[in-house]
Amino acid sequence: MNIVNGVLHTLLLFITGKVKFDHSVKNRTLIMPDGAKFTIFRRVEIQSRQSNPEALFWIRFKPMKMSPQANIRFSLLPMMIFMGFKGFRSKYWGVNMETGLCQGLYEWQT
């Protein structure tokens, strides 16, 4: 799926009410299998009748010329693309404010 299709499908998901932001997890600590800790600042889920997600993907990065606070604001933009990709189910956004390390934890249908 290309970027334009991703954005268009994301807009359709918003229009049909399938995008849900889970505010109950904000500021909770996510401890990864390797012991790394991240504070969750956002979670989004696509409402679906499909079975539970079967694939989990996480990525970590440290923005070179952006503070963690700036990255939190910036992270809204790429969200509008990947939410529309086929199979996307949910994402947790996390940050370690002490190290500046950021993490995205994605759930995909397959």
N, C-alpha and C. Protein backbone atom coordinates (compact mmCIF):
# COMPACT_ATOMS: atom_id res chain seq x y z
N MET A 1 0.86 -1.18 0.00
CA MET A 1 0.00 0.00 0.00
C MET A 1 0.89 1.23 0.00
N ASN A 2 0.54 2.21 -0.78
CA ASN A 2 1.35 3.43 -0.82
C ASN A 2 0.84 4.46 0.19
N ILE A 3 1.59 5.56 0.30
CA ILE A 3 1.28 6.59 1.29
C ILE A 3 -0.10 7.20 1.07
N VAL A 4 -0.44 7.53 -0.16
CA VAL A 4 -1.74 8.16 -0.45
C VAL A 4 -2.88 7.21 -0.06
N ASN A 5 -2.77 5.96 -0.44
CA ASN A 5 -3.81 4.99 -0.06
C ASN A 5 -3.89 4.83 1.45
N GLY A 6 -2.73 4.85 2.12
CA GLY A 6 -2.72 4.75 3.58
C GLY A 6 -3.48 5.89 4.24
N VAL A 7 -3.23 7.11 3.77
CA VAL A 7 -3.92 8.28 4.33
C VAL A 7 -5.42 8.21 4.04
N LEU A 8 -5.77 7.86 2.82
CA LEU A 8 -7.20 7.78 2.47
C LEU A 8 -7.92 6.71 3.29
N HIS A 9 -7.28 5.57 3.47
CA HIS A 9 -7.91 4.52 4.28
C HIS A 9 -7.99 4.93 5.74
N THR A 10 -6.97 5.64 6.24
CA THR A 10 -7.02 6.14 7.61
C THR A 10 -8.20 7.10 7.79
N LEU A 11 -8.40 8.00 6.85
CA LEU A 11 -9.53 8.93 6.92
C LEU A 11 -10.85 8.17 6.94
N LEU A 12 -10.96 7.12 6.13
CA LEU A 12 -12.17 6.30 6.12
C LEU A 12 -12.37 5.63 7.48
N LEU A 13 -11.29 5.16 8.10
CA LEU A 13 -11.40 4.55 9.44
C LEU A 13 -11.92 5.56 10.46
N PHE A 14 -11.45 6.81 10.38
CA PHE A 14 -11.94 7.86 11.29
C PHE A 14 -13.43 8.14 11.03
N ILE A 15 -13.79 8.27 9.76
CA ILE A 15 -15.18 8.59 9.39
C ILE A 15 -16.14 7.51 9.87
N THR A 16 -15.71 6.26 9.77
CA THR A 16 -16.58 5.13 10.16
C THR A 16 -16.50 4.81 11.65
N GLY A 17 -15.71 5.58 12.40
CA GLY A 17 -15.65 5.40 13.85
C GLY A 17 -14.86 4.19 14.31
N LYS A 18 -13.96 3.68 13.48
CA LYS A 18 -13.19 2.48 13.85
C LYS A 18 -11.87 2.79 14.55
N VAL A 19 -11.49 4.07 14.62
CA VAL A 19 -10.25 4.46 15.30
C VAL A 19 -10.59 4.79 16.75
N LYS A 20 -9.93 4.11 17.67
CA LYS A 20 -10.16 4.33 19.10
C LYS A 20 -8.84 4.64 19.80
N PHE A 21 -8.80 5.74 20.51
CA PHE A 21 -7.64 6.09 21.32
C PHE A 21 -7.89 5.60 22.73
N ASP A 22 -6.95 4.84 23.27
CA ASP A 22 -7.06 4.29 24.61
C ASP A 22 -6.29 5.19 25.57
N HIS A 23 -7.00 6.09 26.23
CA HIS A 23 -6.37 7.04 27.14
C HIS A 23 -6.07 6.41 28.50
N SER A 24 -6.62 5.23 28.77
CA SER A 24 -6.43 4.59 30.08
C SER A 24 -4.99 4.11 30.29
N VAL A 25 -4.22 3.94 29.22
CA VAL A 25 -2.84 3.46 29.36
C VAL A 25 -1.81 4.57 29.41
N LYS A 26 -2.25 5.81 29.17
CA LYS A 26 -1.32 6.94 29.16
C LYS A 26 -0.59 7.05 30.49
N ASN A 27 0.71 7.25 30.42
CA ASN A 27 1.62 7.40 31.57
C ASN A 27 1.90 6.09 32.30
N ARG A 28 1.39 4.98 31.80
CA ARG A 28 1.76 3.69 32.39
C ARG A 28 3.13 3.29 31.88
N THR A 29 3.81 2.44 32.65
CA THR A 29 5.13 1.97 32.26
C THR A 29 5.00 0.64 31.53
N LEU A 30 5.63 0.58 30.37
CA LEU A 30 5.67 -0.63 29.57
C LEU A 30 7.05 -1.23 29.74
N ILE A 31 7.13 -2.44 30.27
CA ILE A 31 8.41 -3.12 30.47
C ILE A 31 8.53 -4.20 29.40
N MET A 32 9.54 -4.08 28.59
CA MET A 32 9.76 -4.99 27.47
C MET A 32 10.49 -6.25 27.92
N PRO A 33 10.48 -7.31 27.11
CA PRO A 33 11.16 -8.57 27.49
C PRO A 33 12.64 -8.39 27.83
N ASP A 34 13.30 -7.40 27.25
CA ASP A 34 14.71 -7.17 27.54
C ASP A 34 14.92 -6.27 28.77
N GLY A 35 13.83 -5.90 29.44
CA GLY A 35 13.91 -5.07 30.64
C GLY A 35 13.83 -3.58 30.37
N ALA A 36 13.86 -3.16 29.12
CA ALA A 36 13.76 -1.73 28.79
C ALA A 36 12.39 -1.22 29.22
N LYS A 37 12.37 0.01 29.76
CA LYS A 37 11.13 0.61 30.27
C LYS A 37 10.80 1.86 29.46
N PHE A 38 9.52 1.97 29.12
CA PHE A 38 9.03 3.12 28.37
C PHE A 38 7.73 3.60 28.99
N THR A 39 7.54 4.90 29.04
CA THR A 39 6.29 5.48 29.49
C THR A 39 5.39 5.65 28.28
N ILE A 40 4.22 5.06 28.33
CA ILE A 40 3.27 5.15 27.22
C ILE A 40 2.69 6.55 27.17
N PHE A 41 2.72 7.17 25.98
CA PHE A 41 2.09 8.47 25.84
C PHE A 41 0.91 8.45 24.87
N ARG A 42 0.72 7.34 24.15
CA ARG A 42 -0.44 7.24 23.25
C ARG A 42 -0.65 5.79 22.87
N ARG A 43 -1.91 5.43 22.67
CA ARG A 43 -2.25 4.13 22.10
C ARG A 43 -3.46 4.31 21.20
N VAL A 44 -3.41 3.70 20.03
CA VAL A 44 -4.52 3.72 19.10
C VAL A 44 -4.84 2.29 18.72
N GLU A 45 -6.12 2.04 18.50
CA GLU A 45 -6.57 0.70 18.10
C GLU A 45 -7.61 0.85 17.00
N ILE A 46 -7.53 -0.04 16.02
CA ILE A 46 -8.54 -0.10 14.97
C ILE A 46 -9.54 -1.18 15.37
N GLN A 47 -10.79 -0.78 15.53
CA GLN A 47 -11.84 -1.72 15.89
C GLN A 47 -12.08 -2.67 14.72
N SER A 48 -12.11 -3.96 15.01
CA SER A 48 -12.22 -4.96 13.96
C SER A 48 -12.94 -6.19 14.49
N ARG A 49 -13.59 -6.91 13.59
CA ARG A 49 -14.23 -8.17 13.95
C ARG A 49 -13.29 -9.35 13.76
N GLN A 50 -12.09 -9.07 13.26
CA GLN A 50 -11.12 -10.13 13.03
C GLN A 50 -10.61 -10.68 14.35
N SER A 51 -9.95 -11.84 14.27
CA SER A 51 -9.39 -12.45 15.46
C SER A 51 -8.26 -11.59 16.03
N ASN A 52 -7.74 -12.00 17.15
CA ASN A 52 -6.66 -11.26 17.79
C ASN A 52 -5.47 -11.13 16.85
N PRO A 53 -4.72 -10.03 16.98
CA PRO A 53 -3.54 -9.85 16.13
C PRO A 53 -2.56 -11.02 16.28
N GLU A 54 -1.89 -11.34 15.18
CA GLU A 54 -0.95 -12.46 15.18
C GLU A 54 0.50 -12.02 15.06
N ALA A 55 0.75 -10.75 14.84
CA ALA A 55 2.13 -10.28 14.67
C ALA A 55 2.38 -9.07 15.54
N LEU A 56 3.56 -9.04 16.14
CA LEU A 56 3.98 -7.94 17.00
C LEU A 56 5.32 -7.43 16.47
N PHE A 57 5.45 -6.12 16.39
CA PHE A 57 6.67 -5.50 15.89
C PHE A 57 6.98 -4.30 16.75
N TRP A 58 8.23 -4.18 17.19
CA TRP A 58 8.59 -2.97 17.89
C TRP A 58 9.86 -2.38 17.30
N ILE A 59 9.90 -1.07 17.38
CA ILE A 59 11.05 -0.33 16.86
C ILE A 59 11.46 0.68 17.91
N ARG A 60 12.77 0.83 18.07
CA ARG A 60 13.31 1.82 19.00
C ARG A 60 14.22 2.77 18.25
N PHE A 61 14.19 4.01 18.68
CA PHE A 61 15.02 5.01 18.02
C PHE A 61 15.22 6.20 18.95
N LYS A 62 16.26 6.96 18.67
CA LYS A 62 16.52 8.18 19.41
C LYS A 62 16.64 9.30 18.38
N PRO A 63 15.66 10.19 18.33
CA PRO A 63 15.72 11.28 17.35
C PRO A 63 17.00 12.10 17.53
N MET A 64 17.68 12.34 16.42
CA MET A 64 18.96 13.04 16.47
C MET A 64 18.81 14.53 16.81
N LYS A 65 17.85 15.18 16.20
CA LYS A 65 17.73 16.63 16.39
C LYS A 65 16.35 17.02 16.89
N MET A 66 15.80 16.16 17.76
CA MET A 66 14.44 16.40 18.25
C MET A 66 14.36 15.92 19.70
N SER A 67 13.80 16.73 20.55
CA SER A 67 13.61 16.33 21.94
C SER A 67 12.50 15.29 22.01
N PRO A 68 12.44 14.53 23.10
CA PRO A 68 11.32 13.59 23.24
C PRO A 68 9.96 14.29 23.16
N GLN A 69 9.85 15.48 23.73
CA GLN A 69 8.58 16.22 23.69
C GLN A 69 8.22 16.59 22.24
N ALA A 70 9.21 17.01 21.46
CA ALA A 70 8.95 17.36 20.06
C ALA A 70 8.56 16.11 19.27
N ASN A 71 9.21 14.99 19.57
CA ASN A 71 8.87 13.75 18.88
C ASN A 71 7.44 13.30 19.21
N ILE A 72 7.01 13.51 20.44
CA ILE A 72 5.63 13.16 20.82
C ILE A 72 4.65 13.93 19.95
N ARG A 73 4.90 15.21 19.74
CA ARG A 73 4.02 16.01 18.88
C ARG A 73 4.12 15.56 17.42
N PHE A 74 5.35 15.38 16.93
CA PHE A 74 5.57 14.99 15.54
C PHE A 74 4.95 13.63 15.22
N SER A 75 4.89 12.74 16.18
CA SER A 75 4.44 11.36 15.93
C SER A 75 2.99 11.28 15.46
N LEU A 76 2.24 12.35 15.58
CA LEU A 76 0.87 12.36 15.07
C LEU A 76 0.83 12.31 13.54
N LEU A 77 1.84 12.87 12.88
CA LEU A 77 1.83 12.92 11.42
C LEU A 77 1.97 11.55 10.75
N PRO A 78 3.03 10.78 11.05
CA PRO A 78 3.13 9.47 10.38
C PRO A 78 2.01 8.52 10.76
N MET A 79 1.38 8.76 11.90
CA MET A 79 0.26 7.93 12.32
C MET A 79 -0.84 7.93 11.27
N MET A 80 -1.02 9.06 10.60
CA MET A 80 -2.09 9.18 9.61
C MET A 80 -1.84 8.32 8.37
N ILE A 81 -0.64 7.83 8.21
CA ILE A 81 -0.33 6.97 7.07
C ILE A 81 -0.49 5.50 7.45
N PHE A 82 0.26 5.04 8.46
CA PHE A 82 0.32 3.60 8.73
C PHE A 82 -0.96 3.01 9.29
N MET A 83 -1.80 3.82 9.92
CA MET A 83 -3.06 3.27 10.44
C MET A 83 -3.93 2.72 9.32
N GLY A 84 -3.76 3.24 8.12
CA GLY A 84 -4.55 2.79 6.99
C GLY A 84 -3.98 1.59 6.26
N PHE A 85 -2.80 1.13 6.66
CA PHE A 85 -2.20 -0.02 5.99
C PHE A 85 -2.95 -1.30 6.36
N LYS A 86 -3.09 -2.17 5.40
CA LYS A 86 -3.82 -3.43 5.58
C LYS A 86 -3.22 -4.23 6.73
N GLY A 87 -4.07 -4.68 7.63
CA GLY A 87 -3.65 -5.53 8.73
C GLY A 87 -3.26 -4.79 10.00
N PHE A 88 -3.13 -3.45 9.95
CA PHE A 88 -2.77 -2.72 11.17
C PHE A 88 -3.89 -2.83 12.18
N ARG A 89 -3.54 -3.13 13.45
CA ARG A 89 -4.55 -3.27 14.50
C ARG A 89 -4.37 -2.27 15.64
N SER A 90 -3.11 -2.06 16.10
CA SER A 90 -2.92 -1.11 17.20
C SER A 90 -1.46 -0.71 17.30
N LYS A 91 -1.24 0.38 18.05
CA LYS A 91 0.13 0.82 18.33
C LYS A 91 0.18 1.50 19.69
N TYR A 92 1.24 1.19 20.41
CA TYR A 92 1.61 1.90 21.63
C TYR A 92 2.81 2.78 21.29
N TRP A 93 2.76 4.04 21.72
CA TRP A 93 3.90 4.93 21.60
C TRP A 93 4.50 5.07 22.99
N GLY A 94 5.81 4.94 23.10
CA GLY A 94 6.45 5.06 24.40
C GLY A 94 7.74 5.85 24.31
N VAL A 95 8.15 6.38 25.45
CA VAL A 95 9.39 7.15 25.53
C VAL A 95 10.04 6.92 26.88
N ASN A 96 11.35 6.90 26.88
CA ASN A 96 12.11 6.91 28.12
C ASN A 96 12.70 8.30 28.23
N MET A 97 12.15 9.12 29.11
CA MET A 97 12.55 10.53 29.22
C MET A 97 13.99 10.67 29.73
N GLU A 98 14.49 9.68 30.46
CA GLU A 98 15.86 9.77 30.96
C GLU A 98 16.88 9.59 29.84
N THR A 99 16.60 8.67 28.92
CA THR A 99 17.56 8.37 27.84
C THR A 99 17.20 9.03 26.53
N GLY A 100 15.94 9.46 26.37
CA GLY A 100 15.47 10.03 25.12
C GLY A 100 15.11 8.97 24.08
N LEU A 101 15.21 7.70 24.46
CA LEU A 101 14.90 6.61 23.55
C LEU A 101 13.38 6.49 23.40
N CYS A 102 12.94 6.34 22.16
CA CYS A 102 11.51 6.21 21.85
C CYS A 102 11.24 4.80 21.35
N GLN A 103 10.00 4.36 21.50
CA GLN A 103 9.63 3.03 21.03
C GLN A 103 8.21 3.04 20.49
N GLY A 104 8.02 2.34 19.38
CA GLY A 104 6.70 2.06 18.85
C GLY A 104 6.47 0.57 18.92
N LEU A 105 5.33 0.17 19.46
CA LEU A 105 4.97 -1.24 19.59
C LEU A 105 3.69 -1.45 18.78
N TYR A 106 3.82 -2.17 17.67
CA TYR A 106 2.72 -2.35 16.71
C TYR A 106 2.14 -3.75 16.82
N GLU A 107 0.82 -3.84 16.63
CA GLU A 107 0.16 -5.14 16.48
C GLU A 107 -0.45 -5.16 15.07
N TRP A 108 -0.20 -6.27 14.36
CA TRP A 108 -0.71 -6.44 13.00
C TRP A 108 -1.53 -7.72 12.95
N GLN A 109 -2.49 -7.76 12.07
CA GLN A 109 -3.33 -8.94 11.93
C GLN A 109 -2.50 -10.16 11.55
N THR A 110 -1.59 -10.00 10.58
CA THR A 110 -0.72 -11.13 10.18
C THR A 110 0.69 -10.65 9.98
